[in-house]
Amino acid sequence: MYKQLLGLRQLSRRTISSSAQRQIDNSVKEKQKLFQEDNGMPIHLKGGTKDALLYRATMTLTVFGSGYVVYELFSAAMPKKPH
């Protein structure tokens, strides 16, 4: 059992340490310029179309969720009368 765990440990070290290194460009300066410019847009929408879609989806779910909560609270407060 111990030999199997030792072999697994060596295998995991080998695959992690020998994985290829990717070079990623540092785009922090461009993002800082984009988000710090004063163009009248709110900060949560400056990311583009993806941010706008996420914002709209969040607002839609929030409005429908709030409406559903109010409906359920009203139906719990006013139970139906048995006949």
C-alpha atoms as a PDB file:
ATOM      1  CA  MET A   1       0.000   0.000   0.000  1.00  0.00           C
ATOM      2  CA  TYR A   2       2.807   2.384   0.908  1.00  0.00           C
ATOM      3  CA  LYS A   3       4.630   1.682  -2.374  1.00  0.00           C
ATOM      4  CA  GLN A   4       1.498   2.549  -4.337  1.00  0.00           C
ATOM      5  CA  LEU A   5       1.097   5.868  -2.524  1.00  0.00           C
ATOM      6  CA  LEU A   6       4.792   6.638  -3.031  1.00  0.00           C
ATOM      7  CA  GLY A   7       4.480   5.892  -6.756  1.00  0.00           C
ATOM      8  CA  LEU A   8       1.390   8.072  -7.038  1.00  0.00           C
ATOM      9  CA  ARG A   9       3.198  10.905  -5.248  1.00  0.00           C
ATOM     10  CA  GLN A  10       6.145  10.671  -7.631  1.00  0.00           C
ATOM     11  CA  LEU A  11       3.849  10.578 -10.644  1.00  0.00           C
ATOM     12  CA  SER A  12       1.940  13.670  -9.505  1.00  0.00           C
ATOM     13  CA  ARG A  13       5.172  15.586  -8.911  1.00  0.00           C
ATOM     14  CA  ARG A  14       6.493  14.638 -12.321  1.00  0.00           C
ATOM     15  CA  THR A  15       3.393  15.727 -14.259  1.00  0.00           C
ATOM     16  CA  ILE A  16       3.085  19.041 -12.438  1.00  0.00           C
ATOM     17  CA  SER A  17       6.742  19.991 -12.640  1.00  0.00           C
ATOM     18  CA  SER A  18       7.145  18.986 -16.288  1.00  0.00           C
ATOM     19  CA  SER A  19       4.055  20.759 -17.601  1.00  0.00           C
ATOM     20  CA  ALA A  20       4.625  23.364 -20.281  1.00  0.00           C
ATOM     21  CA  GLN A  21       4.979  26.960 -19.215  1.00  0.00           C
ATOM     22  CA  ARG A  22       2.712  29.388 -21.061  1.00  0.00           C
ATOM     23  CA  GLN A  23       3.742  32.941 -21.655  1.00  0.00           C
ATOM     24  CA  ILE A  24       0.866  35.322 -20.934  1.00  0.00           C
ATOM     25  CA  ASP A  25       1.087  38.976 -21.838  1.00  0.00           C
ATOM     26  CA  ASN A  26       0.654  41.383 -18.962  1.00  0.00           C
ATOM     27  CA  SER A  27      -2.463  43.352 -19.863  1.00  0.00           C
ATOM     28  CA  VAL A  28      -2.900  45.119 -16.541  1.00  0.00           C
ATOM     29  CA  LYS A  29      -1.886  48.531 -17.894  1.00  0.00           C
ATOM     30  CA  GLU A  30      -4.471  48.364 -20.708  1.00  0.00           C
ATOM     31  CA  LYS A  31      -7.191  47.273 -18.290  1.00  0.00           C
ATOM     32  CA  GLN A  32      -6.282  50.089 -15.913  1.00  0.00           C
ATOM     33  CA  LYS A  33      -6.576  52.636 -18.723  1.00  0.00           C
ATOM     34  CA  LEU A  34      -9.941  51.198 -19.779  1.00  0.00           C
ATOM     35  CA  PHE A  35     -11.437  51.202 -16.308  1.00  0.00           C
ATOM     36  CA  GLN A  36      -9.999  54.537 -15.163  1.00  0.00           C
ATOM     37  CA  GLU A  37     -11.010  56.710 -18.116  1.00  0.00           C
ATOM     38  CA  ASP A  38     -13.867  59.064 -17.407  1.00  0.00           C
ATOM     39  CA  ASN A  39     -16.483  58.352 -20.072  1.00  0.00           C
ATOM     40  CA  GLY A  40     -19.623  58.491 -17.950  1.00  0.00           C
ATOM     41  CA  MET A  41     -20.158  54.720 -17.855  1.00  0.00           C
ATOM     42  CA  PRO A  42     -20.568  52.924 -14.543  1.00  0.00           C
ATOM     43  CA  ILE A  43     -17.572  50.802 -13.594  1.00  0.00           C
ATOM     44  CA  HIS A  44     -19.540  47.547 -13.710  1.00  0.00           C
ATOM     45  CA  LEU A  45     -20.356  48.074 -17.415  1.00  0.00           C
ATOM     46  CA  LYS A  46     -16.941  49.127 -18.694  1.00  0.00           C
ATOM     47  CA  GLY A  47     -15.949  45.542 -19.500  1.00  0.00           C
ATOM     48  CA  GLY A  48     -18.029  45.478 -22.671  1.00  0.00           C
ATOM     49  CA  THR A  49     -20.852  43.313 -23.960  1.00  0.00           C
ATOM     50  CA  LYS A  50     -20.183  40.440 -21.586  1.00  0.00           C
ATOM     51  CA  ASP A  51     -20.515  42.723 -18.557  1.00  0.00           C
ATOM     52  CA  ALA A  52     -23.714  44.253 -19.932  1.00  0.00           C
ATOM     53  CA  LEU A  53     -25.261  40.807 -20.491  1.00  0.00           C
ATOM     54  CA  LEU A  54     -24.269  39.639 -17.016  1.00  0.00           C
ATOM     55  CA  TYR A  55     -25.714  42.822 -15.519  1.00  0.00           C
ATOM     56  CA  ARG A  56     -29.018  42.431 -17.361  1.00  0.00           C
ATOM     57  CA  ALA A  57     -29.289  38.749 -16.464  1.00  0.00           C
ATOM     58  CA  THR A  58     -28.608  39.549 -12.809  1.00  0.00           C
ATOM     59  CA  MET A  59     -31.200  42.308 -12.751  1.00  0.00           C
ATOM     60  CA  THR A  60     -33.778  40.086 -14.470  1.00  0.00           C
ATOM     61  CA  LEU A  61     -33.242  37.254 -12.005  1.00  0.00           C
ATOM     62  CA  THR A  62     -33.370  39.699  -9.103  1.00  0.00           C
ATOM     63  CA  VAL A  63     -36.676  41.237 -10.225  1.00  0.00           C
ATOM     64  CA  PHE A  64     -38.337  37.878 -10.921  1.00  0.00           C
ATOM     65  CA  GLY A  65     -36.953  36.390  -7.709  1.00  0.00           C
ATOM     66  CA  SER A  66     -38.213  39.310  -5.647  1.00  0.00           C
ATOM     67  CA  GLY A  67     -41.638  39.050  -7.268  1.00  0.00           C
ATOM     68  CA  TYR A  68     -41.775  35.333  -6.554  1.00  0.00           C
ATOM     69  CA  VAL A  69     -40.827  35.900  -2.907  1.00  0.00           C
ATOM     70  CA  VAL A  70     -43.591  38.498  -2.526  1.00  0.00           C
ATOM     71  CA  TYR A  71     -46.085  36.094  -4.154  1.00  0.00           C
ATOM     72  CA  GLU A  72     -45.088  33.234  -1.846  1.00  0.00           C
ATOM     73  CA  LEU A  73     -45.231  35.441   1.235  1.00  0.00           C
ATOM     74  CA  PHE A  74     -48.683  36.670   0.253  1.00  0.00           C
ATOM     75  CA  SER A  75     -49.943  33.134  -0.409  1.00  0.00           C
ATOM     76  CA  ALA A  76     -48.529  31.955   2.939  1.00  0.00           C
ATOM     77  CA  ALA A  77     -50.153  34.883   4.767  1.00  0.00           C
ATOM     78  CA  MET A  78     -53.549  34.337   3.136  1.00  0.00           C
ATOM     79  CA  PRO A  79     -54.188  30.574   3.127  1.00  0.00           C
ATOM     80  CA  LYS A  80     -57.118  29.212   1.137  1.00  0.00           C
ATOM     81  CA  LYS A  81     -60.258  28.452   3.113  1.00  0.00           C
ATOM     82  CA  PRO A  82     -61.416  24.833   3.108  1.00  0.00           C
ATOM     83  CA  HIS A  83     -64.912  24.282   1.709  1.00  0.00           C
END
